[in-house]
C-alpha atoms as a PDB file:
ATOM      1  CA  MET A   1      -1.342  29.403  29.756  1.00  0.00           C
ATOM      2  CA  ALA A   2      -4.117  26.910  30.526  1.00  0.00           C
ATOM      3  CA  ARG A   3      -3.145  23.442  31.646  1.00  0.00           C
ATOM      4  CA  ARG A   4      -4.166  20.566  29.436  1.00  0.00           C
ATOM      5  CA  THR A   5      -6.568  17.960  30.688  1.00  0.00           C
ATOM      6  CA  ALA A   6      -5.453  14.348  30.931  1.00  0.00           C
ATOM      7  CA  GLU A   7      -7.430  13.579  27.766  1.00  0.00           C
ATOM      8  CA  GLU A   8      -5.775  16.465  25.897  1.00  0.00           C
ATOM      9  CA  ASN A   9      -2.356  15.221  27.022  1.00  0.00           C
ATOM     10  CA  ARG A  10      -3.198  11.694  25.934  1.00  0.00           C
ATOM     11  CA  ARG A  11      -4.394  12.912  22.528  1.00  0.00           C
ATOM     12  CA  ASN A  12      -1.263  15.059  22.100  1.00  0.00           C
ATOM     13  CA  VAL A  13       1.097  12.195  22.963  1.00  0.00           C
ATOM     14  CA  LEU A  14      -0.737   9.805  20.658  1.00  0.00           C
ATOM     15  CA  GLU A  15      -0.779  12.302  17.766  1.00  0.00           C
ATOM     16  CA  VAL A  16       2.962  12.894  18.095  1.00  0.00           C
ATOM     17  CA  ALA A  17       3.716   9.175  18.445  1.00  0.00           C
ATOM     18  CA  THR A  18       1.504   8.389  15.455  1.00  0.00           C
ATOM     19  CA  ARG A  19       3.402  10.826  13.264  1.00  0.00           C
ATOM     20  CA  LEU A  20       6.807   9.585  14.441  1.00  0.00           C
ATOM     21  CA  PHE A  21       5.991   5.871  14.445  1.00  0.00           C
ATOM     22  CA  TYR A  22       4.495   5.994  10.953  1.00  0.00           C
ATOM     23  CA  ALA A  23       7.369   8.013   9.497  1.00  0.00           C
ATOM     24  CA  HIS A  24      10.261   6.174  11.163  1.00  0.00           C
ATOM     25  CA  GLY A  25       8.936   2.903  12.601  1.00  0.00           C
ATOM     26  CA  ILE A  26       7.903   2.089  16.140  1.00  0.00           C
ATOM     27  CA  ARG A  27      11.143   0.455  17.221  1.00  0.00           C
ATOM     28  CA  ALA A  28      13.259   3.268  15.739  1.00  0.00           C
ATOM     29  CA  VAL A  29      11.570   5.963  17.839  1.00  0.00           C
ATOM     30  CA  GLY A  30      12.489   6.098  21.513  1.00  0.00           C
ATOM     31  CA  MET A  31      10.233   7.370  24.242  1.00  0.00           C
ATOM     32  CA  ASP A  32      12.674  10.228  24.819  1.00  0.00           C
ATOM     33  CA  THR A  33      11.987  11.421  21.257  1.00  0.00           C
ATOM     34  CA  VAL A  34       8.239  11.235  21.855  1.00  0.00           C
ATOM     35  CA  VAL A  35       8.596  13.203  25.102  1.00  0.00           C
ATOM     36  CA  LYS A  36      10.740  15.856  23.409  1.00  0.00           C
ATOM     37  CA  GLU A  37       8.400  16.224  20.427  1.00  0.00           C
ATOM     38  CA  CYS A  38       5.362  16.479  22.710  1.00  0.00           C
ATOM     39  CA  GLY A  39       6.892  19.367  24.608  1.00  0.00           C
ATOM     40  CA  VAL A  40       5.880  17.923  27.970  1.00  0.00           C
ATOM     41  CA  GLY A  41       7.685  16.194  30.794  1.00  0.00           C
ATOM     42  CA  ASN A  42       8.357  12.484  31.159  1.00  0.00           C
ATOM     43  CA  ALA A  43       5.720  12.157  33.877  1.00  0.00           C
ATOM     44  CA  THR A  44       2.994  13.519  31.581  1.00  0.00           C
ATOM     45  CA  VAL A  45       3.776  10.987  28.854  1.00  0.00           C
ATOM     46  CA  TYR A  46       4.235   8.021  31.172  1.00  0.00           C
ATOM     47  CA  ARG A  47       1.058   8.856  33.087  1.00  0.00           C
ATOM     48  CA  GLN A  48      -0.873   8.364  29.840  1.00  0.00           C
ATOM     49  CA  PHE A  49       1.206   5.495  28.456  1.00  0.00           C
ATOM     50  CA  PRO A  50       3.182   3.663  31.166  1.00  0.00           C
ATOM     51  CA  THR A  51       5.266   1.726  28.617  1.00  0.00           C
ATOM     52  CA  LYS A  52       6.309   2.000  24.996  1.00  0.00           C
ATOM     53  CA  ASP A  53       4.358  -1.193  24.361  1.00  0.00           C
ATOM     54  CA  ALA A  54       1.207   0.552  25.614  1.00  0.00           C
ATOM     55  CA  LEU A  55       1.897   3.493  23.310  1.00  0.00           C
ATOM     56  CA  ALA A  56       2.633   1.205  20.343  1.00  0.00           C
ATOM     57  CA  THR A  57      -0.615  -0.657  20.934  1.00  0.00           C
ATOM     58  CA  ALA A  58      -2.614   2.575  21.199  1.00  0.00           C
ATOM     59  CA  TYR A  59      -0.973   3.736  17.952  1.00  0.00           C
ATOM     60  CA  ALA A  60      -1.904   0.505  16.141  1.00  0.00           C
ATOM     61  CA  GLN A  61      -5.477   0.591  17.442  1.00  0.00           C
ATOM     62  CA  GLY A  62      -5.828   4.274  16.595  1.00  0.00           C
ATOM     63  CA  ARG A  63      -4.663   3.694  13.029  1.00  0.00           C
ATOM     64  CA  ALA A  64      -7.010   0.709  12.691  1.00  0.00           C
ATOM     65  CA  ASP A  65      -9.971   2.745  13.946  1.00  0.00           C
ATOM     66  CA  ALA A  66      -9.123   5.659  11.644  1.00  0.00           C
ATOM     67  CA  TRP A  67      -8.852   3.301   8.659  1.00  0.00           C
ATOM     68  CA  PHE A  68     -12.304   1.856   9.297  1.00  0.00           C
ATOM     69  CA  GLU A  69     -13.815   5.289   9.816  1.00  0.00           C
ATOM     70  CA  ARG A  70     -12.507   6.524   6.456  1.00  0.00           C
ATOM     71  CA  MET A  71     -13.320   3.353   4.544  1.00  0.00           C
ATOM     72  CA  ARG A  72     -16.815   2.977   5.963  1.00  0.00           C
ATOM     73  CA  ALA A  73     -17.538   6.594   5.061  1.00  0.00           C
ATOM     74  CA  ALA A  74     -16.332   5.978   1.489  1.00  0.00           C
ATOM     75  CA  ALA A  75     -18.457   2.837   1.197  1.00  0.00           C
ATOM     76  CA  ALA A  76     -21.501   4.549   2.704  1.00  0.00           C
ATOM     77  CA  ALA A  77     -21.300   7.278   0.062  1.00  0.00           C
ATOM     78  CA  GLU A  78     -22.108   4.660  -2.605  1.00  0.00           C
ATOM     79  CA  GLU A  79     -25.550   3.184  -3.198  1.00  0.00           C
ATOM     80  CA  ASP A  80     -24.667   0.117  -5.265  1.00  0.00           C
ATOM     81  CA  PRO A  81     -23.280  -2.755  -3.147  1.00  0.00           C
ATOM     82  CA  GLN A  82     -20.523  -3.478  -5.679  1.00  0.00           C
ATOM     83  CA  ASP A  83     -19.487   0.173  -5.648  1.00  0.00           C
ATOM     84  CA  LYS A  84     -19.250   0.028  -1.855  1.00  0.00           C
ATOM     85  CA  LEU A  85     -16.507  -2.608  -2.207  1.00  0.00           C
ATOM     86  CA  LEU A  86     -14.733  -0.635  -4.921  1.00  0.00           C
ATOM     87  CA  ALA A  87     -14.858   2.617  -2.929  1.00  0.00           C
ATOM     88  CA  VAL A  88     -12.318   1.152  -0.510  1.00  0.00           C
ATOM     89  CA  PHE A  89      -9.854   0.731  -3.353  1.00  0.00           C
ATOM     90  CA  GLY A  90     -10.389   4.305  -4.534  1.00  0.00           C
ATOM     91  CA  VAL A  91      -9.318   5.521  -1.085  1.00  0.00           C
ATOM     92  CA  LEU A  92      -6.420   3.054  -1.117  1.00  0.00           C
ATOM     93  CA  ALA A  93      -5.216   4.428  -4.469  1.00  0.00           C
ATOM     94  CA  ALA A  94      -5.312   8.001  -3.192  1.00  0.00           C
ATOM     95  CA  ASP A  95      -3.431   7.022  -0.020  1.00  0.00           C
ATOM     96  CA  CYS A  96      -0.708   5.173  -1.919  1.00  0.00           C
ATOM     97  CA  ALA A  97      -0.128   8.129  -4.228  1.00  0.00           C
ATOM     98  CA  GLY A  98       0.505  10.516  -1.319  1.00  0.00           C
ATOM     99  CA  SER A  99       3.993  11.905  -0.765  1.00  0.00           C
ATOM    100  CA  THR A 100       4.093  10.771   2.871  1.00  0.00           C
ATOM    101  CA  TYR A 101       2.866   7.242   2.159  1.00  0.00           C
ATOM    102  CA  ARG A 102       4.996   4.657   3.988  1.00  0.00           C
ATOM    103  CA  GLY A 103       2.926   1.497   3.822  1.00  0.00           C
ATOM    104  CA  CYS A 104       0.136   0.021   5.869  1.00  0.00           C
ATOM    105  CA  PRO A 105       0.522   0.799   9.579  1.00  0.00           C
ATOM    106  CA  MET A 106      -0.879  -2.633  10.468  1.00  0.00           C
ATOM    107  CA  LEU A 107       1.498  -4.527   8.195  1.00  0.00           C
ATOM    108  CA  ASN A 108       4.377  -2.383   9.449  1.00  0.00           C
ATOM    109  CA  THR A 109       3.377  -3.044  13.063  1.00  0.00           C
ATOM    110  CA  ASN A 110       3.129  -6.768  12.417  1.00  0.00           C
ATOM    111  CA  THR A 111       6.624  -6.724  10.906  1.00  0.00           C
ATOM    112  CA  GLU A 112       8.060  -4.836  13.870  1.00  0.00           C
ATOM    113  CA  PHE A 113       6.272  -7.015  16.432  1.00  0.00           C
ATOM    114  CA  PRO A 114       6.130 -10.549  15.032  1.00  0.00           C
ATOM    115  CA  GLU A 115       5.730 -11.961  18.536  1.00  0.00           C
ATOM    116  CA  GLY A 116       2.275 -13.509  18.607  1.00  0.00           C
ATOM    117  CA  GLY A 117       1.461 -12.333  22.106  1.00  0.00           C
ATOM    118  CA  HIS A 118       2.557  -8.695  21.798  1.00  0.00           C
ATOM    119  CA  PRO A 119      -0.492  -6.424  22.151  1.00  0.00           C
ATOM    120  CA  ALA A 120       0.455  -4.291  19.113  1.00  0.00           C
ATOM    121  CA  HIS A 121       0.801  -7.473  17.046  1.00  0.00           C
ATOM    122  CA  LEU A 122      -2.586  -8.687  18.255  1.00  0.00           C
ATOM    123  CA  SER A 123      -4.141  -5.336  17.365  1.00  0.00           C
ATOM    124  CA  ALA A 124      -2.732  -5.531  13.825  1.00  0.00           C
ATOM    125  CA  VAL A 125      -3.931  -9.113  13.337  1.00  0.00           C
ATOM    126  CA  ALA A 126      -7.392  -8.314  14.697  1.00  0.00           C
ATOM    127  CA  HIS A 127      -7.639  -5.381  12.294  1.00  0.00           C
ATOM    128  CA  LYS A 128      -6.848  -7.517   9.255  1.00  0.00           C
ATOM    129  CA  GLN A 129      -9.416 -10.099  10.379  1.00  0.00           C
ATOM    130  CA  GLN A 130     -12.007  -7.336  10.776  1.00  0.00           C
ATOM    131  CA  VAL A 131     -11.215  -6.015   7.294  1.00  0.00           C
ATOM    132  CA  ARG A 132     -11.682  -9.516   5.844  1.00  0.00           C
ATOM    133  CA  ASP A 133     -14.988  -9.931   7.689  1.00  0.00           C
ATOM    134  CA  TRP A 134     -16.202  -6.508   6.566  1.00  0.00           C
ATOM    135  CA  PHE A 135     -15.273  -7.299   2.962  1.00  0.00           C
ATOM    136  CA  SER A 136     -17.221 -10.565   3.288  1.00  0.00           C
ATOM    137  CA  SER A 137     -20.263  -8.677   4.543  1.00  0.00           C
ATOM    138  CA  LEU A 138     -20.026  -6.195   1.666  1.00  0.00           C
ATOM    139  CA  ALA A 139     -19.545  -9.070  -0.787  1.00  0.00           C
ATOM    140  CA  THR A 140     -22.662 -10.760   0.601  1.00  0.00           C
ATOM    141  CA  ASP A 141     -24.616  -7.535   0.056  1.00  0.00           C
ATOM    142  CA  ALA A 142     -23.245  -7.434  -3.512  1.00  0.00           C
ATOM    143  CA  ARG A 143     -24.541 -11.023  -3.961  1.00  0.00           C
ATOM    144  CA  ALA A 144     -21.113 -12.478  -4.653  1.00  0.00           C
ATOM    145  CA  GLU A 145     -21.158 -16.159  -5.545  1.00  0.00           C
ATOM    146  CA  ASP A 146     -18.654 -16.906  -2.748  1.00  0.00           C
ATOM    147  CA  PRO A 147     -18.465 -13.859  -0.449  1.00  0.00           C
ATOM    148  CA  ASP A 148     -15.691 -15.278   1.744  1.00  0.00           C
ATOM    149  CA  ARG A 149     -13.479 -16.071  -1.233  1.00  0.00           C
ATOM    150  CA  LEU A 150     -14.029 -12.617  -2.739  1.00  0.00           C
ATOM    151  CA  ALA A 151     -13.242 -11.048   0.647  1.00  0.00           C
ATOM    152  CA  GLU A 152     -10.002 -12.999   0.917  1.00  0.00           C
ATOM    153  CA  GLU A 153      -8.964 -12.118  -2.642  1.00  0.00           C
ATOM    154  CA  LEU A 154      -9.721  -8.435  -2.074  1.00  0.00           C
ATOM    155  CA  LEU A 155      -7.708  -8.538   1.151  1.00  0.00           C
ATOM    156  CA  ILE A 156      -4.762  -9.966  -0.801  1.00  0.00           C
ATOM    157  CA  VAL A 157      -5.069  -7.115  -3.317  1.00  0.00           C
ATOM    158  CA  LEU A 158      -5.353  -4.549  -0.526  1.00  0.00           C
ATOM    159  CA  ASN A 159      -2.351  -5.813   1.442  1.00  0.00           C
ATOM    160  CA  GLY A 160      -0.278  -6.477  -1.659  1.00  0.00           C
ATOM    161  CA  THR A 161      -0.889  -2.934  -2.811  1.00  0.00           C
ATOM    162  CA  TYR A 162      -0.059  -1.471   0.569  1.00  0.00           C
ATOM    163  CA  ALA A 163       3.251  -3.365   0.616  1.00  0.00           C
ATOM    164  CA  THR A 164       4.240  -2.817  -3.022  1.00  0.00           C
ATOM    165  CA  ALA A 165       3.237   0.849  -3.170  1.00  0.00           C
ATOM    166  CA  ALA A 166       5.510   1.555  -0.211  1.00  0.00           C
ATOM    167  CA  VAL A 167       8.490   0.355  -2.248  1.00  0.00           C
ATOM    168  CA  LEU A 168       7.620   1.233  -5.847  1.00  0.00           C
ATOM    169  CA  ASP A 169       5.467   3.892  -7.513  1.00  0.00           C
ATOM    170  CA  GLY A 170       2.458   4.223  -5.212  1.00  0.00           C
ATOM    171  CA  ALA A 171       0.270   5.982  -7.773  1.00  0.00           C
ATOM    172  CA  VAL A 172       0.772   3.226 -10.335  1.00  0.00           C
ATOM    173  CA  TYR A 173       0.143   0.376  -7.916  1.00  0.00           C
ATOM    174  CA  GLY A 174      -2.840   2.106  -6.332  1.00  0.00           C
ATOM    175  CA  SER A 175      -4.390   2.452  -9.774  1.00  0.00           C
ATOM    176  CA  ARG A 176      -3.649  -1.194 -10.578  1.00  0.00           C
ATOM    177  CA  ALA A 177      -5.342  -2.213  -7.322  1.00  0.00           C
ATOM    178  CA  VAL A 178      -8.540  -0.417  -8.358  1.00  0.00           C
ATOM    179  CA  ASP A 179      -8.483  -2.273 -11.690  1.00  0.00           C
ATOM    180  CA  MET A 180      -7.849  -5.642 -10.027  1.00  0.00           C
ATOM    181  CA  ALA A 181     -10.595  -5.093  -7.467  1.00  0.00           C
ATOM    182  CA  ARG A 182     -13.010  -4.090 -10.230  1.00  0.00           C
ATOM    183  CA  ARG A 183     -12.242  -7.310 -12.147  1.00  0.00           C
ATOM    184  CA  LEU A 184     -12.597  -9.505  -9.054  1.00  0.00           C
ATOM    185  CA  VAL A 185     -15.922  -7.938  -8.137  1.00  0.00           C
ATOM    186  CA  ALA A 186     -17.216  -8.212 -11.717  1.00  0.00           C
ATOM    187  CA  GLU A 187     -16.203 -11.895 -11.907  1.00  0.00           C
ATOM    188  CA  SER A 188     -17.698 -12.742  -8.515  1.00  0.00           C
ATOM    189  CA  CYS A 189     -20.938 -10.764  -8.500  1.00  0.00           C
ATOM    190  CA  PRO A 190     -23.964 -10.813 -10.809  1.00  0.00           C
ATOM    191  CA  ALA A 191     -23.930  -8.364 -13.700  1.00  0.00           C
ATOM    192  CA  ARG A 192     -25.402  -4.993 -12.879  1.00  0.00           C
ATOM    193  CA  ASN A 193     -28.737  -4.032 -14.373  1.00  0.00           C
END
């Protein structure tokens, strides 16, 4: 059996931790559980992630990066600037309707690590700021009357949906989010030709 490279070990540990942290919460999952699920020794895990805080931060950053990759791809598939904004909410609705949906990883991370200086907390906050800024850029391209306001309102819809859909019927609230986003964009941007 071939030995894994350090990068393969890192990827394996992060994939396992991502699955466990998202399903059960970061604080609820001990490093011993991560080690056991990875099928490697303690030294292999701790060589890649010296502390649980380091692993939690890598998890949060990985989820943030994956979110942007998916959402930017969805937006890029649309030609109309308004549709680029709405594409994000189509992906959101599909995510919320999934059987394994457990809320927004960034909001969950922020709840578990409310300490302002914790690196996982900082990663979650930075992500939400980047989402707001990206929405503002898309709103500018869509010629919104007040791009920053539209971005902030869409962020409220996004986060509200993520939180509510984790508790109630995700399919219903994901669909409502698409409708709300559509109304906000229509009210804020010039009519389409």
